[in-house]
C-alpha atoms as a PDB file:
ATOM      1  CA  MET A   1     -48.884  26.472 -35.958  1.00  0.00           C
ATOM      2  CA  ARG A   2     -49.433  23.487 -38.197  1.00  0.00           C
ATOM      3  CA  TYR A   3     -46.682  20.968 -38.785  1.00  0.00           C
ATOM      4  CA  THR A   4     -46.672  17.921 -41.041  1.00  0.00           C
ATOM      5  CA  LEU A   5     -44.857  14.847 -39.781  1.00  0.00           C
ATOM      6  CA  LEU A   6     -43.674  12.866 -42.822  1.00  0.00           C
ATOM      7  CA  LEU A   7     -43.116   9.182 -42.007  1.00  0.00           C
ATOM      8  CA  TYR A   8     -40.271   7.398 -43.796  1.00  0.00           C
ATOM      9  CA  SER A   9     -39.304   3.743 -43.496  1.00  0.00           C
ATOM     10  CA  ASP A  10     -37.607   0.950 -45.402  1.00  0.00           C
ATOM     11  CA  PRO A  11     -40.255  -1.327 -46.976  1.00  0.00           C
ATOM     12  CA  ALA A  12     -37.919  -4.301 -46.455  1.00  0.00           C
ATOM     13  CA  ASP A  13     -38.550  -3.944 -42.716  1.00  0.00           C
ATOM     14  CA  PHE A  14     -42.189  -4.888 -43.321  1.00  0.00           C
ATOM     15  CA  ALA A  15     -41.767  -7.588 -45.967  1.00  0.00           C
ATOM     16  CA  HIS A  16     -42.269 -10.501 -43.570  1.00  0.00           C
ATOM     17  CA  MET A  17     -45.053  -9.075 -41.427  1.00  0.00           C
ATOM     18  CA  THR A  18     -48.009 -11.361 -40.810  1.00  0.00           C
ATOM     19  CA  PRO A  19     -51.636 -10.205 -40.645  1.00  0.00           C
ATOM     20  CA  GLU A  20     -51.287 -10.375 -36.852  1.00  0.00           C
ATOM     21  CA  ASP A  21     -48.219  -8.104 -37.013  1.00  0.00           C
ATOM     22  CA  TRP A  22     -50.206  -5.614 -39.137  1.00  0.00           C
ATOM     23  CA  GLY A  23     -53.047  -5.756 -36.617  1.00  0.00           C
ATOM     24  CA  ARG A  24     -50.646  -4.855 -33.792  1.00  0.00           C
ATOM     25  CA  GLU A  25     -49.154  -2.057 -35.923  1.00  0.00           C
ATOM     26  CA  LYS A  26     -52.619  -0.595 -36.492  1.00  0.00           C
ATOM     27  CA  GLN A  27     -53.290  -0.728 -32.735  1.00  0.00           C
ATOM     28  CA  VAL A  28     -50.046   1.138 -31.995  1.00  0.00           C
ATOM     29  CA  TYR A  29     -50.920   3.874 -34.492  1.00  0.00           C
ATOM     30  CA  GLY A  30     -54.495   3.957 -33.187  1.00  0.00           C
ATOM     31  CA  ALA A  31     -53.142   4.688 -29.705  1.00  0.00           C
ATOM     32  CA  TYR A  32     -50.934   7.462 -31.119  1.00  0.00           C
ATOM     33  CA  ILE A  33     -53.907   9.013 -32.932  1.00  0.00           C
ATOM     34  CA  ALA A  34     -55.944   8.805 -29.735  1.00  0.00           C
ATOM     35  CA  ALA A  35     -53.174  10.621 -27.823  1.00  0.00           C
ATOM     36  CA  LEU A  36     -53.030  13.352 -30.481  1.00  0.00           C
ATOM     37  CA  ASN A  37     -56.825  13.729 -30.311  1.00  0.00           C
ATOM     38  CA  GLU A  38     -56.822  13.808 -26.503  1.00  0.00           C
ATOM     39  CA  ALA A  39     -54.193  16.567 -26.571  1.00  0.00           C
ATOM     40  CA  GLY A  40     -56.288  18.524 -29.062  1.00  0.00           C
ATOM     41  CA  VAL A  41     -53.493  18.732 -31.653  1.00  0.00           C
ATOM     42  CA  PHE A  42     -54.670  16.225 -34.283  1.00  0.00           C
ATOM     43  CA  VAL A  43     -55.568  17.664 -37.704  1.00  0.00           C
ATOM     44  CA  ASP A  44     -55.196  14.852 -40.271  1.00  0.00           C
ATOM     45  CA  THR A  45     -53.388  11.625 -41.153  1.00  0.00           C
ATOM     46  CA  ASP A  46     -53.194   9.064 -43.906  1.00  0.00           C
ATOM     47  CA  TRP A  47     -51.202   5.987 -44.876  1.00  0.00           C
ATOM     48  CA  LEU A  48     -50.012   5.916 -48.454  1.00  0.00           C
ATOM     49  CA  GLN A  49     -50.018   3.003 -50.887  1.00  0.00           C
ATOM     50  CA  PRO A  50     -46.555   1.568 -51.685  1.00  0.00           C
ATOM     51  CA  THR A  51     -44.330   3.629 -53.948  1.00  0.00           C
ATOM     52  CA  SER A  52     -44.708   0.950 -56.631  1.00  0.00           C
ATOM     53  CA  THR A  53     -48.200   2.394 -57.183  1.00  0.00           C
ATOM     54  CA  ALA A  54     -46.950   5.979 -57.539  1.00  0.00           C
ATOM     55  CA  THR A  55     -46.985   8.075 -60.685  1.00  0.00           C
ATOM     56  CA  THR A  56     -44.862  11.205 -60.967  1.00  0.00           C
ATOM     57  CA  ILE A  57     -45.740  14.003 -63.407  1.00  0.00           C
ATOM     58  CA  SER A  58     -43.591  16.936 -64.497  1.00  0.00           C
ATOM     59  CA  LEU A  59     -44.178  19.758 -66.967  1.00  0.00           C
ATOM     60  CA  LYS A  60     -40.571  20.926 -66.780  1.00  0.00           C
ATOM     61  CA  GLY A  61     -39.488  22.103 -70.195  1.00  0.00           C
ATOM     62  CA  GLY A  62     -43.113  22.538 -71.259  1.00  0.00           C
ATOM     63  CA  ALA A  63     -43.795  18.897 -72.052  1.00  0.00           C
ATOM     64  CA  ARG A  64     -45.704  16.446 -69.893  1.00  0.00           C
ATOM     65  CA  GLN A  65     -43.401  13.758 -68.542  1.00  0.00           C
ATOM     66  CA  VAL A  66     -44.872  10.784 -66.710  1.00  0.00           C
ATOM     67  CA  GLN A  67     -42.781   8.434 -64.579  1.00  0.00           C
ATOM     68  CA  ASP A  68     -44.082   5.277 -62.945  1.00  0.00           C
ATOM     69  CA  GLY A  69     -42.989   5.134 -59.349  1.00  0.00           C
ATOM     70  CA  PRO A  70     -41.627   7.773 -57.008  1.00  0.00           C
ATOM     71  CA  PHE A  71     -39.640  10.859 -57.973  1.00  0.00           C
ATOM     72  CA  ALA A  72     -36.553   9.694 -56.087  1.00  0.00           C
ATOM     73  CA  ASP A  73     -35.262   6.134 -55.889  1.00  0.00           C
ATOM     74  CA  THR A  74     -34.217   5.764 -52.275  1.00  0.00           C
ATOM     75  CA  LYS A  75     -34.119   2.984 -49.703  1.00  0.00           C
ATOM     76  CA  GLU A  76     -36.551   4.743 -47.379  1.00  0.00           C
ATOM     77  CA  ARG A  77     -40.016   5.569 -48.634  1.00  0.00           C
ATOM     78  CA  LEU A  78     -42.645   8.090 -47.607  1.00  0.00           C
ATOM     79  CA  GLY A  79     -45.388   5.924 -46.132  1.00  0.00           C
ATOM     80  CA  GLY A  80     -47.746   8.407 -44.534  1.00  0.00           C
ATOM     81  CA  TYR A  81     -48.131  11.621 -42.645  1.00  0.00           C
ATOM     82  CA  PHE A  82     -49.711  13.361 -39.684  1.00  0.00           C
ATOM     83  CA  VAL A  83     -50.725  17.009 -39.601  1.00  0.00           C
ATOM     84  CA  ILE A  84     -50.725  18.503 -36.123  1.00  0.00           C
ATOM     85  CA  ASP A  85     -51.456  21.963 -34.763  1.00  0.00           C
ATOM     86  CA  VAL A  86     -49.098  22.857 -31.920  1.00  0.00           C
ATOM     87  CA  ALA A  87     -47.487  25.949 -30.427  1.00  0.00           C
ATOM     88  CA  ASP A  88     -43.949  25.534 -31.771  1.00  0.00           C
ATOM     89  CA  LEU A  89     -41.279  23.299 -33.293  1.00  0.00           C
ATOM     90  CA  ASP A  90     -40.220  21.950 -29.894  1.00  0.00           C
ATOM     91  CA  THR A  91     -43.740  20.642 -29.297  1.00  0.00           C
ATOM     92  CA  ALA A  92     -43.870  19.210 -32.825  1.00  0.00           C
ATOM     93  CA  MET A  93     -40.579  17.412 -32.112  1.00  0.00           C
ATOM     94  CA  GLU A  94     -42.024  15.944 -28.913  1.00  0.00           C
ATOM     95  CA  TRP A  95     -44.970  14.507 -30.870  1.00  0.00           C
ATOM     96  CA  ALA A  96     -42.636  13.245 -33.631  1.00  0.00           C
ATOM     97  CA  GLU A  97     -40.619  11.351 -31.005  1.00  0.00           C
ATOM     98  CA  LYS A  98     -43.840   9.669 -29.815  1.00  0.00           C
ATOM     99  CA  CYS A  99     -44.792   8.629 -33.355  1.00  0.00           C
ATOM    100  CA  PRO A 100     -44.390   4.862 -33.840  1.00  0.00           C
ATOM    101  CA  ALA A 101     -42.524   5.451 -37.125  1.00  0.00           C
ATOM    102  CA  ALA A 102     -39.652   7.037 -35.188  1.00  0.00           C
ATOM    103  CA  GLN A 103     -38.912   3.590 -33.692  1.00  0.00           C
ATOM    104  CA  TYR A 104     -38.017   2.002 -37.042  1.00  0.00           C
ATOM    105  CA  GLY A 105     -37.697   4.845 -39.564  1.00  0.00           C
ATOM    106  CA  LYS A 106     -37.537   8.608 -39.656  1.00  0.00           C
ATOM    107  CA  VAL A 107     -40.042  11.368 -39.046  1.00  0.00           C
ATOM    108  CA  GLU A 108     -39.426  14.579 -40.966  1.00  0.00           C
ATOM    109  CA  ILE A 109     -41.084  17.670 -39.489  1.00  0.00           C
ATOM    110  CA  ARG A 110     -42.141  20.526 -41.741  1.00  0.00           C
ATOM    111  CA  ALA A 111     -43.967  23.678 -40.778  1.00  0.00           C
ATOM    112  CA  THR A 112     -46.932  24.613 -42.913  1.00  0.00           C
ATOM    113  CA  ALA A 113     -45.993  27.342 -45.378  1.00  0.00           C
ATOM    114  CA  MET A 114     -49.216  29.255 -44.784  1.00  0.00           C
ATOM    115  CA  ASP A 115     -50.980  29.744 -41.477  1.00  0.00           C
ATOM    116  CA  GLY A 116     -54.156  27.688 -41.370  1.00  0.00           C
ATOM    117  CA  GLY A 117     -56.099  30.421 -39.567  1.00  0.00           C
END
């Protein structure tokens, strides 16, 4: 079954990171991706641009409404995701615990609504 791991963190935690810090962060995530690949469960991943670059669109009420920024104004922001294909929620939780984002933020786990097969 496919699960999406949604990675949330507080942007303030990264405000003072140096290029060297970012290089180490990329290495940590690279190792996580390698482990997912080695286990044969990796499907997809991506990092997202900051929420300040977001645009939200709604047609609620029949009229197009455009909002700069994210839908919800919260301290923690969605910064990226992983899609994995594992046997069950317990296994998805094990991989979420290994995700570097779990060390400083939150990892939300959602099952895919439709079976990918």
